[in-house]
C-alpha atoms as a PDB file:
ATOM      1  CA  UNK A   1     -17.246 -19.299   1.857  1.00  0.00           C
ATOM      2  CA  UNK A   2     -17.306 -17.150   5.029  1.00  0.00           C
ATOM      3  CA  UNK A   3     -15.273 -14.030   5.002  1.00  0.00           C
ATOM      4  CA  UNK A   4     -13.551 -14.569   8.302  1.00  0.00           C
ATOM      5  CA  UNK A   5     -13.348 -11.350  10.352  1.00  0.00           C
ATOM      6  CA  UNK A   6     -15.724  -9.260   8.108  1.00  0.00           C
ATOM      7  CA  UNK A   7     -18.812  -9.867  10.275  1.00  0.00           C
ATOM      8  CA  UNK A   8     -16.883  -9.568  13.467  1.00  0.00           C
ATOM      9  CA  UNK A   9     -15.404  -6.299  12.198  1.00  0.00           C
ATOM     10  CA  UNK A  10     -18.956  -4.941  11.490  1.00  0.00           C
ATOM     11  CA  UNK A  11     -20.268  -6.007  14.871  1.00  0.00           C
ATOM     12  CA  UNK A  12     -17.246  -4.403  16.500  1.00  0.00           C
ATOM     13  CA  UNK A  13     -17.831  -1.130  14.637  1.00  0.00           C
ATOM     14  CA  UNK A  14     -21.359  -1.136  15.882  1.00  0.00           C
ATOM     15  CA  UNK A  15     -20.166  -1.502  19.399  1.00  0.00           C
ATOM     16  CA  UNK A  16     -17.973   1.527  18.974  1.00  0.00           C
ATOM     17  CA  UNK A  17     -20.769   3.643  17.461  1.00  0.00           C
ATOM     18  CA  UNK A  18     -23.254   2.643  20.040  1.00  0.00           C
ATOM     19  CA  UNK A  19     -20.674   3.158  22.854  1.00  0.00           C
ATOM     20  CA  UNK A  20     -19.939   6.684  21.575  1.00  0.00           C
ATOM     21  CA  UNK A  21     -23.605   7.630  21.167  1.00  0.00           C
ATOM     22  CA  UNK A  22     -24.521   6.507  24.648  1.00  0.00           C
ATOM     23  CA  UNK A  23     -21.298   7.637  26.376  1.00  0.00           C
ATOM     24  CA  UNK A  24     -20.642   3.976  27.392  1.00  0.00           C
ATOM     25  CA  UNK A  25     -16.830   4.043  27.426  1.00  0.00           C
ATOM     26  CA  UNK A  26     -16.511   0.294  28.175  1.00  0.00           C
ATOM     27  CA  UNK A  27     -18.550  -0.705  25.246  1.00  0.00           C
ATOM     28  CA  UNK A  28     -16.649   1.599  22.976  1.00  0.00           C
ATOM     29  CA  UNK A  29     -13.319   0.182  24.259  1.00  0.00           C
ATOM     30  CA  UNK A  30     -14.624  -3.378  23.829  1.00  0.00           C
ATOM     31  CA  UNK A  31     -15.625  -2.543  20.234  1.00  0.00           C
ATOM     32  CA  UNK A  32     -12.213  -1.245  19.493  1.00  0.00           C
ATOM     33  CA  UNK A  33     -10.562  -4.337  20.838  1.00  0.00           C
ATOM     34  CA  UNK A  34     -12.926  -6.464  18.833  1.00  0.00           C
ATOM     35  CA  UNK A  35     -12.022  -4.495  15.696  1.00  0.00           C
ATOM     36  CA  UNK A  36      -8.282  -5.215  16.252  1.00  0.00           C
ATOM     37  CA  UNK A  37      -8.955  -8.886  16.830  1.00  0.00           C
ATOM     38  CA  UNK A  38     -11.068  -9.072  13.576  1.00  0.00           C
ATOM     39  CA  UNK A  39      -8.263  -7.529  11.554  1.00  0.00           C
ATOM     40  CA  UNK A  40      -5.820  -9.961  12.933  1.00  0.00           C
ATOM     41  CA  UNK A  41      -8.152 -12.761  12.151  1.00  0.00           C
ATOM     42  CA  UNK A  42      -8.538 -11.532   8.509  1.00  0.00           C
ATOM     43  CA  UNK A  43      -4.767 -11.289   8.096  1.00  0.00           C
ATOM     44  CA  UNK A  44      -4.232 -14.790   9.517  1.00  0.00           C
ATOM     45  CA  UNK A  45      -6.775 -16.302   7.246  1.00  0.00           C
ATOM     46  CA  UNK A  46      -5.249 -14.570   4.251  1.00  0.00           C
ATOM     47  CA  UNK A  47      -1.778 -15.758   5.162  1.00  0.00           C
ATOM     48  CA  UNK A  48      -3.092 -19.321   5.620  1.00  0.00           C
ATOM     49  CA  UNK A  49      -4.771 -19.309   2.223  1.00  0.00           C
ATOM     50  CA  UNK A  50      -1.659 -18.014   0.573  1.00  0.00           C
ATOM     51  CA  UNK A  51       0.475 -20.682   2.249  1.00  0.00           C
ATOM     52  CA  UNK A  52      -2.017 -23.435   1.110  1.00  0.00           C
ATOM     53  CA  UNK A  53      -1.783 -22.003  -2.440  1.00  0.00           C
ATOM     54  CA  UNK A  54       1.972 -22.041  -2.497  1.00  0.00           C
ATOM     55  CA  UNK A  55       2.013 -25.575  -1.018  1.00  0.00           C
ATOM     56  CA  UNK A  56      -0.408 -26.816  -3.705  1.00  0.00           C
ATOM     57  CA  UNK A  57       1.539 -25.152  -6.505  1.00  0.00           C
ATOM     58  CA  UNK A  58       4.772 -26.765  -5.359  1.00  0.00           C
ATOM     59  CA  UNK A  59       3.001 -30.134  -5.103  1.00  0.00           C
ATOM     60  CA  UNK A  60       1.689 -29.786  -8.750  1.00  0.00           C
ATOM     61  CA  UNK A  61       5.112 -28.764 -10.042  1.00  0.00           C
ATOM     62  CA  UNK A  62       6.698 -31.993  -8.807  1.00  0.00           C
ATOM     63  CA  UNK A  63       4.284 -34.190 -10.751  1.00  0.00           C
END
C-alpha cells in the first residue's frame, strides 16, 4: 500500500532545502506549495479510508 502524499512530501521538503541552500527562491516556493498539496492529499486519503470503513461497518451491521 502506498502512503499517499508521504513521498510527495519528502520531495517537496528537498526542494525547499535545495532552494534555500542555493538561494533559488522560486524552487523554495515551489517546494512549499508542493508540501501543502501533499498534506492535503494525505488528509483526503485518510478521510476517504475512514468513509469506506464506516460504509463497510454499516453494511455488515444490516446483515
